[in-house]
Amino acid sequence: MSEVDFAALTQAARTAAEHAYAPYSGYPVGAAALTSQGRLITGCNVENASYGLGQCAENTLVGQLHLTGGGSIAAFTCVNAKGETIMPCGRCRQLLAEFAAPDFQILTPEGIKDMSGILPQAFGPADLAEVV
C-alpha cells in the first residue's frame, strides 16, 4: 500500500463526527478509512436511549464498507468531538480485525500501528476454521 495521507483521513473523520448522534454520552466520534481498493469510507456513532443498541463509529463504518462494495480496510483513524485522534475500544478493535487488510495501518495517539500493535493475538475467522 502506498503512503497514507493520514491528515486527509483525520479530516474526513472530523467531518463524520459532526454527524454523530450522541445526546446521551455527549461524546461524538467520527471514523474514516481507506479500503484496499482506495475508497474513502466514514462512520459516526449513533446512540440510542436504551444504550445497548447504540452503534459505534467503527460499526457504522463497516456498514459503509459493505454498502459501497465490500473489500477490506487498509488504513483507519477515529477522532473525538475535539478532532483528537482516539483509540477504538476493545470491541471495535475486534470488529476492525475482522475486516483489516493484511497491510492494515491505524493512526493512534502514539503514532501509526498495525493490527497486531492494537490487538495482539486477535481472534478471527481462522480460529473458527480450526474447530469446524
Protein backbone atom coordinates (compact mmCIF):
# COMPACT_ATOMS: atom_id res chain seq x y z
CA MET A 1 0.00 0.00 0.00
CA SER A 2 1.28 3.47 -0.84
CA GLU A 3 1.80 6.13 1.81
CA VAL A 4 -1.45 7.06 3.53
CA ASP A 5 -2.44 10.70 3.86
CA PHE A 6 -3.49 10.46 7.50
CA ALA A 7 -4.11 14.23 7.65
CA ALA A 8 -6.83 13.90 4.99
CA LEU A 9 -8.17 10.76 6.65
CA THR A 10 -8.34 12.56 10.00
CA GLN A 11 -10.20 15.47 8.41
CA ALA A 12 -12.75 13.01 6.96
CA ALA A 13 -13.18 11.53 10.45
CA ARG A 14 -13.70 15.01 11.90
CA THR A 15 -16.41 15.69 9.31
CA ALA A 16 -18.05 12.35 10.16
CA ALA A 17 -18.02 13.24 13.87
CA GLU A 18 -20.11 16.32 13.06
CA HIS A 19 -22.91 13.93 12.04
CA ALA A 20 -22.78 11.79 15.17
CA TYR A 21 -25.90 11.34 17.26
CA ALA A 22 -24.62 11.38 20.83
CA PRO A 23 -27.27 13.03 23.05
CA TYR A 24 -26.72 10.62 25.97
CA SER A 25 -22.95 10.44 26.29
CA GLY A 26 -22.16 13.81 24.75
CA TYR A 27 -19.19 12.08 23.15
CA PRO A 28 -19.40 12.24 19.34
CA VAL A 29 -16.96 10.05 17.45
CA GLY A 30 -16.07 10.04 13.77
CA ALA A 31 -14.15 7.38 11.89
CA ALA A 32 -12.60 7.28 8.44
CA ALA A 33 -10.85 4.59 6.48
CA LEU A 34 -9.40 3.79 3.12
CA THR A 35 -10.29 0.46 1.61
CA SER A 36 -7.74 -1.71 -0.12
CA GLN A 37 -9.36 -0.55 -3.37
CA GLY A 38 -8.76 3.11 -2.44
CA ARG A 39 -12.33 4.09 -1.48
CA LEU A 40 -12.83 6.53 1.40
CA ILE A 41 -15.47 5.37 3.89
CA THR A 42 -16.63 7.04 7.07
CA GLY A 43 -18.78 6.37 10.11
CA CYS A 44 -20.07 8.09 13.22
CA ASN A 45 -21.54 6.90 16.48
CA VAL A 46 -25.32 6.72 16.73
CA GLU A 47 -26.62 6.36 20.28
CA ASN A 48 -29.96 5.02 21.44
CA ALA A 49 -31.98 5.68 24.59
CA SER A 50 -31.60 2.02 25.54
CA TYR A 51 -27.79 2.46 25.48
CA GLY A 52 -27.07 -1.14 24.43
CA LEU A 53 -28.49 -0.53 20.97
CA GLY A 54 -26.09 2.31 20.19
CA GLN A 55 -23.72 1.97 17.26
CA CYS A 56 -20.04 2.87 17.46
CA ALA A 57 -18.46 4.87 14.64
CA GLU A 58 -16.42 1.80 13.68
CA ASN A 59 -19.62 -0.22 13.35
CA THR A 60 -21.28 2.26 11.02
CA LEU A 61 -18.02 2.48 9.05
CA VAL A 62 -18.01 -1.28 8.48
CA GLY A 63 -21.60 -0.96 7.27
CA GLN A 64 -20.39 1.62 4.74
CA LEU A 65 -17.60 -0.74 3.71
CA HIS A 66 -20.17 -3.30 2.66
CA LEU A 67 -22.69 -0.83 1.26
CA THR A 68 -20.07 0.62 -1.07
CA GLY A 69 -18.66 -2.59 -2.49
CA GLY A 70 -17.03 -4.59 0.30
CA GLY A 71 -13.36 -5.34 0.47
CA SER A 72 -11.02 -4.73 3.37
CA ILE A 73 -9.79 -1.78 5.41
CA ALA A 74 -6.24 -0.68 4.63
CA ALA A 75 -5.99 2.48 6.76
CA PHE A 76 -8.13 3.78 9.63
CA THR A 77 -8.43 6.54 12.18
CA CYS A 78 -11.06 7.89 14.56
CA VAL A 79 -11.49 11.15 16.43
CA ASN A 80 -13.50 12.68 19.26
CA ALA A 81 -15.54 15.91 19.13
CA LYS A 82 -12.37 17.98 19.58
CA GLY A 83 -10.89 16.32 16.49
CA GLU A 84 -8.29 14.49 18.56
CA THR A 85 -7.17 11.04 17.48
CA ILE A 86 -8.55 8.37 19.82
CA MET A 87 -8.23 4.60 20.12
CA PRO A 88 -11.09 2.27 19.30
CA CYS A 89 -12.40 0.32 22.28
CA GLY A 90 -11.65 -3.40 22.54
CA ARG A 91 -14.94 -4.41 20.90
CA CYS A 92 -14.23 -2.12 17.96
CA ARG A 93 -10.64 -3.36 17.63
CA GLN A 94 -12.07 -6.86 17.24
CA LEU A 95 -14.52 -5.55 14.62
CA LEU A 96 -11.69 -3.87 12.71
CA ALA A 97 -9.58 -7.04 12.88
CA GLU A 98 -12.32 -8.93 11.03
CA PHE A 99 -12.14 -6.52 8.08
CA ALA A 100 -8.49 -5.40 8.16
CA ALA A 101 -6.33 -5.85 5.09
CA PRO A 102 -3.02 -7.67 5.62
CA ASP A 103 -1.19 -4.30 5.40
CA PHE A 104 -3.68 -2.51 7.72
CA GLN A 105 -2.46 0.72 9.33
CA ILE A 106 -4.15 2.72 12.09
CA LEU A 107 -3.33 6.20 13.30
CA THR A 108 -3.30 6.14 17.11
CA PRO A 109 -2.41 8.78 19.70
CA GLU A 110 1.02 7.07 19.81
CA GLY A 111 1.51 7.01 16.03
CA ILE A 112 0.85 4.57 13.21
CA LYS A 113 0.46 0.92 14.16
CA ASP A 114 -0.61 -2.31 12.51
CA MET A 115 -3.35 -4.65 13.74
CA SER A 116 -1.02 -6.69 15.95
CA GLY A 117 0.04 -3.43 17.59
CA ILE A 118 -3.51 -2.70 18.77
CA LEU A 119 -4.95 -6.21 19.15
CA PRO A 120 -2.20 -8.80 19.64
CA GLN A 121 -3.17 -12.42 19.04
CA ALA A 122 -6.59 -11.40 17.72
CA PHE A 123 -9.35 -13.99 17.44
CA GLY A 124 -10.58 -14.31 13.86
CA PRO A 125 -12.11 -16.47 11.15
CA ALA A 126 -9.07 -18.75 11.07
CA ASP A 127 -9.72 -19.69 14.71
CA LEU A 128 -13.22 -20.86 13.82
CA ALA A 129 -11.93 -22.96 10.94
CA GLU A 130 -9.85 -24.97 13.40
CA VAL A 131 -12.95 -26.11 15.29
CA VAL A 132 -15.21 -26.95 12.39
